[in-house]
Amino acid sequence: VHFDAKIRAVAAPLWDETAYLVAEFVNGSGELLLPTATTQLYLEGEFVGATETDKVAAGGETTLPFGAIEGIRVNRGVARNEGDAGILSQSNEETETARITVENLTGRGWPMRIVDRVPYSEQEDLSITWQARPTPSEKDVDDRTGVLAWEFDIAPGDTRRIELSHRLHW
C-alpha cells in the first residue's frame, strides 16, 4: 500500500538537540491497517528501517518515525535572572530567555517543526507573562497548556532563530 505522506523535520530542543524526520499521512485505503511488529519504511524509494505500528482506522491519521537527520543542528541556550523586587522583598520575580537556533547543514530544504514550552500558572498569586519572536504557529499543542510550536521551511545552509522569554512574578 502506498500513501502520500507529508514529511518534515521535528525537534524539541528542550530535551534533544536532534531533529527527526517524520512522515504524517491519512489512511486513504478504505480499510483498517492492522498493527504490525515490523512495518518497513522507505523514503524516496530507499529502505531506511522498520518500526512497530499500531492499527490505523480508515481515514485515520498517523505519524511514522524515520530517524535522526544528522545535518540539522538545533541548539537551545537559556539566560535566567532571579531576584527580589521591592524594598522589603514583598514579591519575587524570575525571568528566563531561551534562544533556539536551527541550522540546516544538509543539501536540501526541510519543512521544520520546533516544539517548546512556557510555564503556566494554576495559582492566583503567581503571575506569568511570556513572549516569543517569531510568534508561534500553534499554541497549546495537542491541548497541552503551555506547549508551543513553530513551523517554517529552512533552506540548505540557512539558520533560523527563535527567542522565547517568560517572567514569573509572585
N, C-alpha and C. Protein backbone atom coordinates (compact mmCIF):
# COMPACT_ATOMS: atom_id res chain seq x y z
N VAL A 1 0.85 -1.18 0.00
CA VAL A 1 0.00 0.00 0.00
C VAL A 1 0.89 1.23 0.00
N HIS A 2 0.54 2.21 -0.80
CA HIS A 2 1.29 3.46 -0.91
C HIS A 2 0.40 4.62 -0.46
N PHE A 3 0.96 5.51 0.37
CA PHE A 3 0.23 6.69 0.84
C PHE A 3 1.06 7.92 0.54
N ASP A 4 0.39 9.00 0.17
CA ASP A 4 1.07 10.29 0.03
C ASP A 4 1.25 10.86 1.42
N ALA A 5 2.49 11.01 1.82
CA ALA A 5 2.79 11.46 3.18
C ALA A 5 3.39 12.85 3.17
N LYS A 6 3.13 13.57 4.23
CA LYS A 6 3.77 14.87 4.46
C LYS A 6 4.99 14.58 5.33
N ILE A 7 6.18 14.88 4.80
CA ILE A 7 7.39 14.65 5.59
C ILE A 7 7.89 15.99 6.12
N ARG A 8 8.48 15.95 7.30
CA ARG A 8 9.08 17.14 7.88
C ARG A 8 10.06 16.75 8.97
N ALA A 9 10.88 17.72 9.32
CA ALA A 9 11.83 17.57 10.42
C ALA A 9 11.17 18.13 11.67
N VAL A 10 11.27 17.39 12.77
CA VAL A 10 10.66 17.82 14.03
C VAL A 10 11.73 17.79 15.11
N ALA A 11 11.77 18.85 15.93
CA ALA A 11 12.75 18.91 17.02
C ALA A 11 12.11 19.52 18.26
N ALA A 12 12.52 19.03 19.41
CA ALA A 12 12.12 19.56 20.71
C ALA A 12 13.41 19.89 21.47
N PRO A 13 14.00 21.06 21.20
CA PRO A 13 15.34 21.36 21.72
C PRO A 13 15.46 21.42 23.23
N LEU A 14 14.36 21.52 23.96
CA LEU A 14 14.43 21.48 25.42
C LEU A 14 14.97 20.13 25.88
N TRP A 15 14.66 19.08 25.13
CA TRP A 15 15.05 17.72 25.51
C TRP A 15 16.14 17.10 24.65
N ASP A 16 16.29 17.58 23.41
CA ASP A 16 17.20 16.90 22.49
C ASP A 16 17.65 17.87 21.41
N GLU A 17 18.92 17.84 21.05
CA GLU A 17 19.45 18.72 20.01
C GLU A 17 19.31 18.13 18.61
N THR A 18 18.61 17.03 18.49
CA THR A 18 18.48 16.32 17.22
C THR A 18 17.13 16.62 16.59
N ALA A 19 17.13 16.78 15.28
CA ALA A 19 15.88 16.89 14.53
C ALA A 19 15.60 15.50 13.94
N TYR A 20 14.33 15.12 13.96
CA TYR A 20 13.94 13.80 13.47
C TYR A 20 13.01 13.93 12.28
N LEU A 21 13.19 13.05 11.32
CA LEU A 21 12.32 13.00 10.16
C LEU A 21 11.08 12.20 10.50
N VAL A 22 9.92 12.77 10.26
CA VAL A 22 8.66 12.06 10.47
C VAL A 22 7.81 12.17 9.21
N ALA A 23 6.96 11.19 9.01
CA ALA A 23 6.02 11.20 7.89
C ALA A 23 4.61 11.10 8.47
N GLU A 24 3.75 12.01 8.05
CA GLU A 24 2.37 12.01 8.51
C GLU A 24 1.48 11.72 7.31
N PHE A 25 0.51 10.83 7.51
CA PHE A 25 -0.38 10.50 6.41
C PHE A 25 -1.75 10.10 6.92
N VAL A 26 -2.70 10.11 6.00
CA VAL A 26 -4.06 9.68 6.27
C VAL A 26 -4.25 8.33 5.58
N ASN A 27 -4.83 7.38 6.30
CA ASN A 27 -5.11 6.06 5.73
C ASN A 27 -6.28 6.21 4.74
N GLY A 28 -5.94 6.37 3.48
CA GLY A 28 -6.95 6.54 2.44
C GLY A 28 -7.30 5.24 1.74
N SER A 29 -6.92 4.11 2.32
CA SER A 29 -7.16 2.81 1.67
C SER A 29 -8.62 2.36 1.78
N GLY A 30 -9.35 2.95 2.71
CA GLY A 30 -10.72 2.50 2.93
C GLY A 30 -10.79 1.27 3.83
N GLU A 31 -9.66 0.78 4.27
CA GLU A 31 -9.58 -0.42 5.11
C GLU A 31 -8.81 -0.12 6.39
N LEU A 32 -9.06 -0.90 7.42
CA LEU A 32 -8.30 -0.82 8.66
C LEU A 32 -6.89 -1.34 8.40
N LEU A 33 -5.88 -0.57 8.81
CA LEU A 33 -4.50 -1.06 8.76
C LEU A 33 -4.21 -1.72 10.09
N LEU A 34 -3.88 -3.00 10.05
CA LEU A 34 -3.65 -3.77 11.27
C LEU A 34 -2.29 -3.46 11.86
N PRO A 35 -2.14 -3.63 13.17
CA PRO A 35 -0.84 -3.40 13.80
C PRO A 35 0.16 -4.47 13.32
N THR A 36 1.42 -4.04 13.22
CA THR A 36 2.47 -4.98 12.82
C THR A 36 3.71 -4.74 13.68
N ALA A 37 4.51 -5.78 13.80
CA ALA A 37 5.75 -5.67 14.57
C ALA A 37 6.87 -5.08 13.71
N THR A 38 6.77 -5.19 12.39
CA THR A 38 7.85 -4.73 11.52
C THR A 38 7.30 -4.09 10.24
N THR A 39 6.87 -2.87 10.34
CA THR A 39 6.49 -2.11 9.15
C THR A 39 7.76 -1.59 8.51
N GLN A 40 7.96 -1.93 7.24
CA GLN A 40 9.16 -1.47 6.54
C GLN A 40 8.97 -0.04 6.08
N LEU A 41 9.98 0.77 6.32
CA LEU A 41 9.92 2.20 5.99
C LEU A 41 10.83 2.51 4.81
N TYR A 42 10.26 3.15 3.81
CA TYR A 42 11.01 3.58 2.63
C TYR A 42 10.88 5.08 2.49
N LEU A 43 11.99 5.73 2.18
CA LEU A 43 11.99 7.16 1.95
C LEU A 43 12.55 7.40 0.57
N GLU A 44 11.72 8.00 -0.29
CA GLU A 44 12.10 8.27 -1.67
C GLU A 44 12.64 7.02 -2.35
N GLY A 45 11.96 5.89 -2.11
CA GLY A 45 12.31 4.63 -2.75
C GLY A 45 13.43 3.85 -2.10
N GLU A 46 14.02 4.37 -1.04
CA GLU A 46 15.15 3.71 -0.37
C GLU A 46 14.71 3.20 1.00
N PHE A 47 15.05 1.94 1.28
CA PHE A 47 14.72 1.34 2.57
C PHE A 47 15.54 2.01 3.66
N VAL A 48 14.86 2.50 4.72
CA VAL A 48 15.58 3.19 5.80
C VAL A 48 15.41 2.51 7.15
N GLY A 49 14.56 1.47 7.24
CA GLY A 49 14.40 0.78 8.51
C GLY A 49 13.02 0.21 8.67
N ALA A 50 12.76 -0.25 9.88
CA ALA A 50 11.46 -0.84 10.20
C ALA A 50 11.06 -0.40 11.59
N THR A 51 9.75 -0.39 11.84
CA THR A 51 9.24 0.02 13.14
C THR A 51 7.93 -0.72 13.42
N GLU A 52 7.58 -0.78 14.67
CA GLU A 52 6.30 -1.34 15.07
C GLU A 52 5.23 -0.28 14.89
N THR A 53 4.06 -0.68 14.37
CA THR A 53 2.98 0.28 14.19
C THR A 53 1.69 -0.21 14.83
N ASP A 54 0.87 0.72 15.27
CA ASP A 54 -0.46 0.44 15.81
C ASP A 54 -1.45 0.37 14.65
N LYS A 55 -2.66 -0.05 14.95
CA LYS A 55 -3.68 -0.06 13.92
C LYS A 55 -4.06 1.37 13.57
N VAL A 56 -4.47 1.55 12.31
CA VAL A 56 -4.90 2.86 11.83
C VAL A 56 -6.23 2.66 11.12
N ALA A 57 -7.26 3.30 11.64
CA ALA A 57 -8.59 3.19 11.06
C ALA A 57 -8.63 3.82 9.67
N ALA A 58 -9.57 3.39 8.85
CA ALA A 58 -9.77 4.00 7.54
C ALA A 58 -10.07 5.48 7.76
N GLY A 59 -9.34 6.34 7.07
CA GLY A 59 -9.50 7.78 7.24
C GLY A 59 -8.73 8.34 8.42
N GLY A 60 -8.09 7.48 9.20
CA GLY A 60 -7.33 7.93 10.37
C GLY A 60 -5.97 8.49 9.99
N GLU A 61 -5.48 9.38 10.83
CA GLU A 61 -4.16 9.97 10.63
C GLU A 61 -3.15 9.28 11.52
N THR A 62 -1.92 9.19 11.04
CA THR A 62 -0.85 8.62 11.86
C THR A 62 0.48 9.27 11.48
N THR A 63 1.46 9.09 12.35
CA THR A 63 2.80 9.62 12.13
C THR A 63 3.79 8.47 12.29
N LEU A 64 4.72 8.37 11.35
CA LEU A 64 5.75 7.34 11.42
C LEU A 64 7.12 7.99 11.58
N PRO A 65 7.98 7.42 12.43
CA PRO A 65 9.33 7.96 12.62
C PRO A 65 10.31 7.40 11.60
N PHE A 66 11.18 8.26 11.09
CA PHE A 66 12.19 7.83 10.12
C PHE A 66 13.61 8.08 10.60
N GLY A 67 13.79 8.45 11.86
CA GLY A 67 15.13 8.59 12.42
C GLY A 67 15.67 10.02 12.38
N ALA A 68 16.88 10.13 12.89
CA ALA A 68 17.55 11.44 13.04
C ALA A 68 18.00 11.98 11.69
N ILE A 69 17.97 13.30 11.57
CA ILE A 69 18.54 13.99 10.42
C ILE A 69 19.85 14.59 10.91
N GLU A 70 20.95 13.97 10.53
CA GLU A 70 22.25 14.36 11.08
C GLU A 70 22.69 15.77 10.70
N GLY A 71 22.19 16.32 9.61
CA GLY A 71 22.66 17.62 9.15
C GLY A 71 21.87 18.80 9.67
N ILE A 72 20.91 18.58 10.52
CA ILE A 72 20.19 19.71 11.12
C ILE A 72 20.63 19.83 12.57
N ARG A 73 21.17 20.99 12.91
CA ARG A 73 21.65 21.25 14.26
C ARG A 73 20.64 22.15 14.98
N VAL A 74 20.26 21.75 16.19
CA VAL A 74 19.31 22.52 16.98
C VAL A 74 19.95 22.78 18.33
N ASN A 75 19.98 24.04 18.73
CA ASN A 75 20.61 24.42 19.99
C ASN A 75 19.64 25.30 20.77
N ARG A 76 19.61 25.11 22.09
CA ARG A 76 18.76 25.92 22.97
C ARG A 76 19.60 26.42 24.13
N GLY A 77 19.83 27.73 24.17
CA GLY A 77 20.57 28.35 25.27
C GLY A 77 19.62 29.15 26.14
N VAL A 78 19.89 29.18 27.45
CA VAL A 78 18.99 29.84 28.40
C VAL A 78 19.76 30.83 29.26
N ALA A 79 19.14 32.01 29.45
CA ALA A 79 19.65 33.01 30.39
C ALA A 79 18.56 33.24 31.43
N ARG A 80 18.94 33.17 32.73
CA ARG A 80 17.97 33.34 33.82
C ARG A 80 18.37 34.52 34.68
N ASN A 81 17.35 35.13 35.28
CA ASN A 81 17.58 36.20 36.25
C ASN A 81 16.56 36.01 37.37
N GLU A 82 17.07 35.78 38.58
CA GLU A 82 16.18 35.61 39.74
C GLU A 82 16.48 36.72 40.73
N GLY A 83 15.46 37.14 41.46
CA GLY A 83 15.73 38.16 42.46
C GLY A 83 14.48 38.63 43.16
N ASP A 84 14.73 39.46 44.16
CA ASP A 84 13.64 40.07 44.93
C ASP A 84 13.27 41.39 44.27
N ALA A 85 12.02 41.73 44.39
CA ALA A 85 11.55 43.03 43.91
C ALA A 85 10.95 43.77 45.09
N GLY A 86 11.24 45.04 45.21
CA GLY A 86 10.69 45.82 46.32
C GLY A 86 11.70 45.96 47.45
N ILE A 87 11.53 46.97 48.25
CA ILE A 87 12.47 47.27 49.33
C ILE A 87 12.42 46.21 50.42
N LEU A 88 11.23 45.76 50.78
CA LEU A 88 11.09 44.78 51.85
C LEU A 88 10.88 43.35 51.33
N SER A 89 11.22 43.13 50.08
CA SER A 89 11.06 41.82 49.46
C SER A 89 9.63 41.30 49.57
N GLN A 90 8.69 42.15 49.21
CA GLN A 90 7.28 41.80 49.25
C GLN A 90 6.91 40.80 48.15
N SER A 91 7.69 40.77 47.10
CA SER A 91 7.40 39.85 46.00
C SER A 91 8.70 39.37 45.39
N ASN A 92 8.61 38.32 44.64
CA ASN A 92 9.77 37.76 43.96
C ASN A 92 9.49 37.69 42.47
N GLU A 93 10.56 37.59 41.72
CA GLU A 93 10.44 37.57 40.27
C GLU A 93 11.53 36.70 39.67
N GLU A 94 11.18 36.02 38.61
CA GLU A 94 12.16 35.23 37.87
C GLU A 94 11.89 35.43 36.39
N THR A 95 12.94 35.69 35.64
CA THR A 95 12.80 35.80 34.19
C THR A 95 13.74 34.80 33.53
N GLU A 96 13.33 34.33 32.37
CA GLU A 96 14.14 33.37 31.62
C GLU A 96 13.98 33.68 30.14
N THR A 97 15.08 33.66 29.43
CA THR A 97 15.05 33.84 27.98
C THR A 97 15.76 32.66 27.35
N ALA A 98 15.06 31.98 26.46
CA ALA A 98 15.63 30.86 25.72
C ALA A 98 15.84 31.30 24.28
N ARG A 99 17.01 31.00 23.75
CA ARG A 99 17.32 31.29 22.35
C ARG A 99 17.56 29.96 21.64
N ILE A 100 16.69 29.69 20.69
CA ILE A 100 16.76 28.45 19.93
C ILE A 100 17.32 28.76 18.55
N THR A 101 18.33 28.01 18.15
CA THR A 101 18.94 28.18 16.84
C THR A 101 18.80 26.88 16.07
N VAL A 102 18.32 26.98 14.83
CA VAL A 102 18.18 25.82 13.95
C VAL A 102 19.05 26.08 12.74
N GLU A 103 19.99 25.17 12.47
CA GLU A 103 20.91 25.32 11.35
C GLU A 103 20.79 24.11 10.43
N ASN A 104 20.58 24.37 9.15
CA ASN A 104 20.45 23.30 8.17
C ASN A 104 21.77 23.13 7.41
N LEU A 105 22.50 22.07 7.74
CA LEU A 105 23.78 21.79 7.09
C LEU A 105 23.63 20.74 5.99
N THR A 106 22.39 20.37 5.67
CA THR A 106 22.15 19.38 4.63
C THR A 106 22.10 20.08 3.27
N GLY A 107 22.03 19.30 2.23
CA GLY A 107 21.97 19.83 0.87
C GLY A 107 20.55 20.04 0.37
N ARG A 108 19.56 19.93 1.24
CA ARG A 108 18.18 20.12 0.82
C ARG A 108 17.41 20.95 1.84
N GLY A 109 16.33 21.54 1.38
CA GLY A 109 15.46 22.28 2.27
C GLY A 109 14.52 21.34 3.02
N TRP A 110 14.09 21.75 4.20
CA TRP A 110 13.21 20.93 5.02
C TRP A 110 12.05 21.74 5.55
N PRO A 111 10.84 21.18 5.52
CA PRO A 111 9.78 21.76 6.34
C PRO A 111 10.12 21.41 7.79
N MET A 112 10.10 22.38 8.66
CA MET A 112 10.60 22.21 10.03
C MET A 112 9.49 22.49 11.04
N ARG A 113 9.49 21.74 12.14
CA ARG A 113 8.58 21.99 13.26
C ARG A 113 9.42 21.96 14.54
N ILE A 114 9.39 23.06 15.27
CA ILE A 114 10.08 23.17 16.55
C ILE A 114 9.01 23.21 17.64
N VAL A 115 9.18 22.39 18.67
CA VAL A 115 8.24 22.34 19.79
C VAL A 115 8.98 22.73 21.06
N ASP A 116 8.40 23.64 21.83
CA ASP A 116 8.98 24.05 23.11
C ASP A 116 7.84 24.39 24.05
N ARG A 117 8.17 24.97 25.21
CA ARG A 117 7.13 25.23 26.20
C ARG A 117 7.41 26.51 26.97
N VAL A 118 6.32 27.03 27.55
CA VAL A 118 6.40 28.13 28.51
C VAL A 118 5.63 27.68 29.75
N PRO A 119 6.01 28.18 30.92
CA PRO A 119 5.27 27.80 32.13
C PRO A 119 3.89 28.45 32.14
N TYR A 120 2.99 27.87 32.90
CA TYR A 120 1.66 28.45 33.09
C TYR A 120 1.30 28.30 34.55
N SER A 121 0.38 29.14 35.00
CA SER A 121 0.05 29.19 36.41
C SER A 121 -1.34 28.63 36.67
N GLU A 122 -1.46 27.88 37.74
CA GLU A 122 -2.75 27.43 38.24
C GLU A 122 -3.01 28.05 39.62
N GLN A 123 -2.16 29.02 40.00
CA GLN A 123 -2.29 29.69 41.29
C GLN A 123 -2.54 31.18 41.08
N GLU A 124 -3.41 31.74 41.87
CA GLU A 124 -3.78 33.14 41.74
C GLU A 124 -2.61 34.07 42.07
N ASP A 125 -1.75 33.68 43.01
CA ASP A 125 -0.65 34.53 43.44
C ASP A 125 0.56 34.50 42.51
N LEU A 126 0.54 33.63 41.53
CA LEU A 126 1.65 33.51 40.58
C LEU A 126 1.22 34.06 39.23
N SER A 127 1.89 35.11 38.81
CA SER A 127 1.60 35.74 37.53
C SER A 127 2.70 35.37 36.54
N ILE A 128 2.30 34.91 35.36
CA ILE A 128 3.27 34.53 34.33
C ILE A 128 2.93 35.25 33.04
N THR A 129 3.92 35.92 32.47
CA THR A 129 3.78 36.51 31.15
C THR A 129 4.88 35.95 30.27
N TRP A 130 4.60 35.80 28.98
CA TRP A 130 5.61 35.30 28.06
C TRP A 130 5.48 35.98 26.71
N GLN A 131 6.55 35.92 25.96
CA GLN A 131 6.54 36.41 24.59
C GLN A 131 7.51 35.59 23.76
N ALA A 132 7.25 35.56 22.45
CA ALA A 132 8.09 34.78 21.54
C ALA A 132 8.27 35.56 20.24
N ARG A 133 9.49 35.47 19.71
CA ARG A 133 9.80 36.04 18.40
C ARG A 133 10.48 34.97 17.58
N PRO A 134 9.99 34.59 16.46
CA PRO A 134 8.70 34.96 15.89
C PRO A 134 7.55 34.35 16.69
N THR A 135 6.35 34.79 16.38
CA THR A 135 5.14 34.27 17.03
C THR A 135 4.99 32.79 16.70
N PRO A 136 4.64 31.96 17.67
CA PRO A 136 4.45 30.53 17.39
C PRO A 136 3.33 30.30 16.37
N SER A 137 3.48 29.26 15.58
CA SER A 137 2.45 28.87 14.62
C SER A 137 1.26 28.24 15.33
N GLU A 138 1.54 27.64 16.50
CA GLU A 138 0.49 26.94 17.24
C GLU A 138 0.75 27.07 18.73
N LYS A 139 -0.32 27.27 19.50
CA LYS A 139 -0.25 27.36 20.96
C LYS A 139 -1.06 26.21 21.54
N ASP A 140 -0.69 25.75 22.73
CA ASP A 140 -1.38 24.65 23.41
C ASP A 140 -1.51 23.43 22.50
N VAL A 141 -0.36 23.01 21.96
CA VAL A 141 -0.29 21.90 21.02
C VAL A 141 -0.91 20.64 21.63
N ASP A 142 -1.74 19.97 20.87
CA ASP A 142 -2.43 18.75 21.31
C ASP A 142 -3.14 18.96 22.65
N ASP A 143 -3.70 20.15 22.84
CA ASP A 143 -4.44 20.52 24.06
C ASP A 143 -3.57 20.46 25.32
N ARG A 144 -2.26 20.63 25.17
CA ARG A 144 -1.34 20.68 26.31
C ARG A 144 -0.98 22.15 26.56
N THR A 145 -1.47 22.67 27.69
CA THR A 145 -1.27 24.07 28.04
C THR A 145 0.22 24.40 28.10
N GLY A 146 0.59 25.51 27.48
CA GLY A 146 1.98 25.98 27.52
C GLY A 146 2.88 25.40 26.46
N VAL A 147 2.42 24.45 25.68
CA VAL A 147 3.26 23.85 24.63
C VAL A 147 3.07 24.66 23.35
N LEU A 148 4.18 25.09 22.77
CA LEU A 148 4.17 25.94 21.58
C LEU A 148 4.87 25.23 20.43
N ALA A 149 4.50 25.59 19.20
CA ALA A 149 5.17 25.03 18.03
C ALA A 149 5.36 26.11 16.98
N TRP A 150 6.50 26.05 16.30
CA TRP A 150 6.81 26.93 15.19
C TRP A 150 6.99 26.05 13.96
N GLU A 151 6.40 26.46 12.85
CA GLU A 151 6.56 25.73 11.60
C GLU A 151 7.09 26.68 10.54
N PHE A 152 8.13 26.24 9.85
CA PHE A 152 8.75 27.07 8.81
C PHE A 152 9.57 26.16 7.90
N ASP A 153 9.90 26.68 6.73
CA ASP A 153 10.80 25.97 5.83
C ASP A 153 12.20 26.50 6.07
N ILE A 154 13.18 25.60 6.08
CA ILE A 154 14.56 26.02 6.25
C ILE A 154 15.37 25.52 5.05
N ALA A 155 15.97 26.45 4.35
CA ALA A 155 16.73 26.16 3.14
C ALA A 155 18.10 25.58 3.49
N PRO A 156 18.75 24.92 2.52
CA PRO A 156 20.10 24.41 2.76
C PRO A 156 21.04 25.56 3.15
N GLY A 157 21.82 25.36 4.20
CA GLY A 157 22.77 26.37 4.65
C GLY A 157 22.16 27.50 5.46
N ASP A 158 20.86 27.49 5.65
CA ASP A 158 20.18 28.57 6.35
C ASP A 158 20.19 28.34 7.86
N THR A 159 20.05 29.42 8.62
CA THR A 159 19.93 29.39 10.08
C THR A 159 18.71 30.19 10.47
N ARG A 160 17.91 29.63 11.37
CA ARG A 160 16.72 30.32 11.89
C ARG A 160 16.86 30.42 13.40
N ARG A 161 16.32 31.52 13.95
CA ARG A 161 16.40 31.75 15.40
C ARG A 161 15.01 32.01 15.97
N ILE A 162 14.81 31.50 17.17
CA ILE A 162 13.57 31.73 17.92
C ILE A 162 13.99 32.23 19.29
N GLU A 163 13.34 33.30 19.76
CA GLU A 163 13.60 33.78 21.12
C GLU A 163 12.29 33.67 21.91
N LEU A 164 12.39 33.02 23.05
CA LEU A 164 11.22 32.74 23.88
C LEU A 164 11.55 33.16 25.30
N SER A 165 10.75 34.08 25.86
CA SER A 165 11.04 34.56 27.21
C SER A 165 9.77 34.54 28.05
N HIS A 166 9.97 34.37 29.36
CA HIS A 166 8.84 34.43 30.28
C HIS A 166 9.28 35.09 31.58
N ARG A 167 8.28 35.62 32.29
CA ARG A 167 8.50 36.29 33.56
C ARG A 167 7.52 35.71 34.58
N LEU A 168 8.04 35.24 35.70
CA LEU A 168 7.22 34.75 36.80
C LEU A 168 7.29 35.79 37.91
N HIS A 169 6.14 36.15 38.44
CA HIS A 169 6.09 37.16 39.50
C HIS A 169 5.13 36.68 40.57
N TRP A 170 5.62 36.65 41.82
CA TRP A 170 4.77 36.22 42.93
C TRP A 170 5.01 37.06 44.16
